[in-house]
Amino acid sequence: MAITRSQVIAILLGVALMITTAGTLDTVYSQGEKAPNFNLKTLDEIQVTLDSFSGKPVVLWFMATWCPSCVGQADAIKQIKSEYGDKVNILAIDLWSVQSVGGEQQQGLGGLSAETKEDLKTFLEKFGSPEWKAAMDTDNAAIRHGIAEVDSTVVIDYNGNIVLKHLGPSGYQPLEETLTKIFSSSSS
């Protein structure tokens, strides 16, 4: 089923509304809900799917380079990666890609232009880490995961189940608590 331009615009308007609405952060702890698959190409031109990350928990971070709170969230994710190292995968997904904002390189919602791979690369060089994988959302991964807010995070366990979905910036604590639960349940 193809998503129409009108549907994309409606989604983006919803995202903009959520960005401007204070105090509406939503954390959902889930048990057993399978994460939807995706097929994305990373900045280094490697195809990744959810199955590419099997065997390790994965943090999917749905972000945009223009997003001020994404700078702080990048710090939280760096701290997580520093603590857990190779035990956890990180995938930053830029949901403000050309495909996500209507398929044209033009000024979009609020005068913000669709982002490019170069924009994402520059953001990650400045605020992220070379250890992270990063991709433009060319496969509607944000929509498939029910993400309607920039700077949202999904944590998926070893079995491909969503354990945490946090709309808006989560900071460090919910990510750390979720990963601690995943790792403690795997050792029991």
Protein backbone atom coordinates (compact mmCIF):
# COMPACT_ATOMS: atom_id res chain seq x y z
CA MET A 1 0.00 0.00 0.00
CA ALA A 2 1.57 3.28 -1.12
CA ILE A 3 1.36 6.34 1.04
CA THR A 4 0.00 9.38 -0.77
CA ARG A 5 1.43 12.87 -0.61
CA SER A 6 -1.68 13.99 1.32
CA GLN A 7 -1.09 11.30 3.93
CA VAL A 8 2.55 12.37 4.30
CA ILE A 9 1.49 16.01 4.72
CA ALA A 10 -1.10 14.99 7.33
CA ILE A 11 1.53 13.01 9.23
CA LEU A 12 3.97 15.92 9.11
CA LEU A 13 1.33 18.32 10.38
CA GLY A 14 0.73 15.91 13.24
CA VAL A 15 4.45 15.80 13.94
CA ALA A 16 4.64 19.60 13.95
CA LEU A 17 1.71 19.78 16.35
CA MET A 18 3.33 17.30 18.69
CA ILE A 19 6.65 19.15 18.57
CA THR A 20 4.97 22.37 19.66
CA THR A 21 2.81 20.77 22.37
CA ALA A 22 4.63 20.83 25.70
CA GLY A 23 4.25 18.08 28.26
CA THR A 24 2.93 15.36 25.97
CA LEU A 25 5.85 12.95 26.08
CA ASP A 26 4.67 9.38 25.92
CA THR A 27 6.54 6.32 27.08
CA VAL A 28 5.15 2.92 26.26
CA TYR A 29 6.74 -0.18 27.73
CA SER A 30 5.66 -3.12 25.66
CA GLN A 31 5.98 -6.86 26.03
CA GLY A 32 6.14 -9.08 23.01
CA GLU A 33 5.01 -6.68 20.27
CA LYS A 34 7.11 -7.55 17.23
CA ALA A 35 8.92 -4.59 15.75
CA PRO A 36 8.02 -3.92 12.12
CA ASN A 37 10.80 -4.62 9.67
CA PHE A 38 12.45 -1.92 7.58
CA ASN A 39 14.92 -1.79 4.72
CA LEU A 40 17.24 1.21 4.81
CA LYS A 41 20.61 2.13 3.36
CA THR A 42 23.11 3.52 5.86
CA LEU A 43 25.29 6.52 5.18
CA ASP A 44 28.09 4.12 4.23
CA GLU A 45 25.77 2.50 1.64
CA ILE A 46 25.07 -0.74 3.57
CA GLN A 47 21.51 -2.15 3.42
CA VAL A 48 20.12 -2.75 6.91
CA THR A 49 16.94 -4.42 8.03
CA LEU A 50 15.73 -5.19 11.52
CA ASP A 51 17.12 -8.70 11.01
CA SER A 52 20.59 -7.16 10.50
CA PHE A 53 20.57 -6.42 14.22
CA SER A 54 19.36 -9.80 15.50
CA GLY A 55 21.31 -11.15 18.45
CA LYS A 56 21.74 -7.74 20.10
CA PRO A 57 19.30 -5.15 21.37
CA VAL A 58 18.92 -2.15 19.09
CA VAL A 59 18.08 1.46 19.82
CA LEU A 60 16.24 3.10 16.91
CA TRP A 61 16.45 6.87 17.24
CA PHE A 62 14.07 8.81 14.98
CA MET A 63 15.55 12.27 14.66
CA ALA A 64 16.11 15.32 12.45
CA THR A 65 19.19 17.50 12.20
CA TRP A 66 17.23 20.73 12.78
CA CYS A 67 15.78 19.41 16.05
CA PRO A 68 17.23 21.20 19.13
CA SER A 69 16.35 18.40 21.58
CA CYS A 70 18.14 15.89 19.35
CA VAL A 71 21.48 17.36 20.47
CA GLY A 72 20.72 16.41 24.08
CA GLN A 73 19.35 13.03 23.06
CA ALA A 74 22.56 12.36 21.12
CA ASP A 75 24.44 12.83 24.41
CA ALA A 76 22.15 10.32 26.15
CA ILE A 77 22.68 7.78 23.36
CA LYS A 78 26.46 8.35 23.49
CA GLN A 79 26.34 7.58 27.21
CA ILE A 80 24.36 4.38 26.53
CA LYS A 81 26.82 3.27 23.85
CA SER A 82 29.73 4.07 26.15
CA GLU A 83 28.23 1.90 28.91
CA TYR A 84 27.09 -1.03 26.78
CA GLY A 85 29.63 -0.91 23.94
CA ASP A 86 29.22 -3.66 21.37
CA LYS A 87 26.38 -5.28 23.34
CA VAL A 88 23.89 -2.82 21.81
CA ASN A 89 23.34 -1.46 18.30
CA ILE A 90 22.37 2.13 17.57
CA LEU A 91 20.57 3.20 14.40
CA ALA A 92 19.85 6.90 13.93
CA ILE A 93 17.04 7.35 11.41
CA ASP A 94 16.56 10.82 9.94
CA LEU A 95 12.80 11.04 9.49
CA TRP A 96 13.03 14.41 7.70
CA SER A 97 14.36 12.87 4.49
CA VAL A 98 13.13 13.80 1.02
CA GLN A 99 10.96 10.67 0.90
CA SER A 100 9.39 11.48 4.26
CA VAL A 101 8.45 15.08 3.45
CA GLY A 102 6.81 14.50 0.11
CA GLY A 103 9.52 13.31 -2.27
CA GLU A 104 10.72 16.71 -3.37
CA GLN A 105 13.71 18.79 -2.30
CA GLN A 106 11.82 21.90 -1.33
CA GLN A 107 10.86 23.94 1.69
CA GLY A 108 8.48 21.91 3.73
CA LEU A 109 6.55 22.33 6.93
CA GLY A 110 7.59 25.44 8.83
CA GLY A 111 10.06 26.41 6.11
CA LEU A 112 12.30 23.44 6.87
CA SER A 113 13.81 21.77 3.83
CA ALA A 114 14.04 18.03 3.47
CA GLU A 115 17.35 16.80 4.82
CA THR A 116 20.10 15.07 2.90
CA LYS A 117 22.65 12.41 3.75
CA GLU A 118 25.23 15.20 4.05
CA ASP A 119 23.06 16.98 6.65
CA LEU A 120 22.83 13.76 8.67
CA LYS A 121 26.53 13.03 8.33
CA THR A 122 27.44 16.55 9.50
CA PHE A 123 25.08 16.30 12.49
CA LEU A 124 26.52 12.94 13.56
CA GLU A 125 30.11 14.16 13.18
CA LYS A 126 29.31 17.08 15.45
CA PHE A 127 26.97 15.48 18.03
CA GLY A 128 26.92 11.72 17.46
CA SER A 129 29.42 8.91 17.22
CA PRO A 130 31.12 7.04 14.37
CA GLU A 131 30.07 3.81 16.12
CA TRP A 132 26.43 4.43 15.23
CA LYS A 133 24.77 3.35 12.04
CA ALA A 134 22.66 6.08 10.46
CA ALA A 135 20.18 6.20 7.60
CA MET A 136 17.60 8.40 5.95
CA ASP A 137 14.04 7.13 6.42
CA THR A 138 13.45 6.04 2.83
CA ASP A 139 11.21 3.12 3.87
CA ASN A 140 8.69 4.86 6.17
CA ALA A 141 10.24 3.21 9.23
CA ALA A 142 8.91 6.02 11.45
CA ILE A 143 5.35 5.44 10.26
CA ARG A 144 5.68 1.66 10.63
CA HIS A 145 6.84 2.10 14.23
CA GLY A 146 4.08 4.58 15.08
CA ILE A 147 6.47 7.47 15.50
CA ALA A 148 4.67 10.79 15.23
CA GLU A 149 7.22 13.01 16.94
CA VAL A 150 10.78 14.00 16.11
CA ASP A 151 13.42 12.80 18.61
CA SER A 152 11.63 9.57 19.51
CA THR A 153 13.27 6.32 20.50
CA VAL A 154 12.37 2.65 20.15
CA VAL A 155 14.32 -0.07 21.96
CA ILE A 156 14.06 -3.58 20.54
CA ASP A 157 15.25 -6.71 22.35
CA TYR A 158 17.19 -9.75 21.12
CA ASN A 159 14.05 -11.33 19.66
CA GLY A 160 12.88 -8.32 17.67
CA ASN A 161 10.26 -7.28 20.24
CA ILE A 162 9.60 -3.64 21.08
CA VAL A 163 10.43 -3.12 24.74
CA LEU A 164 10.27 0.69 24.83
CA LYS A 165 8.71 3.29 22.59
CA HIS A 166 9.27 6.85 23.77
CA LEU A 167 7.76 9.72 21.81
CA GLY A 168 9.88 12.83 22.22
CA PRO A 169 13.29 13.08 23.86
CA SER A 170 13.70 10.38 26.51
CA GLY A 171 17.07 11.32 27.88
CA TYR A 172 19.31 8.68 29.41
CA GLN A 173 17.22 7.12 32.21
CA PRO A 174 14.44 5.28 30.29
CA LEU A 175 16.99 3.90 27.82
CA GLU A 176 19.29 2.68 30.58
CA GLU A 177 16.44 1.12 32.57
CA THR A 178 15.12 -0.67 29.49
CA LEU A 179 18.52 -2.05 28.49
CA THR A 180 19.19 -3.15 32.08
CA LYS A 181 15.91 -5.12 31.99
CA ILE A 182 16.79 -6.67 28.64
CA PHE A 183 20.25 -7.74 29.79
CA SER A 184 19.09 -8.97 33.21
CA SER A 185 16.31 -11.07 31.65
CA SER A 186 18.76 -12.65 29.21
CA SER A 187 21.08 -13.74 32.01
CA SER A 188 18.33 -15.40 34.06
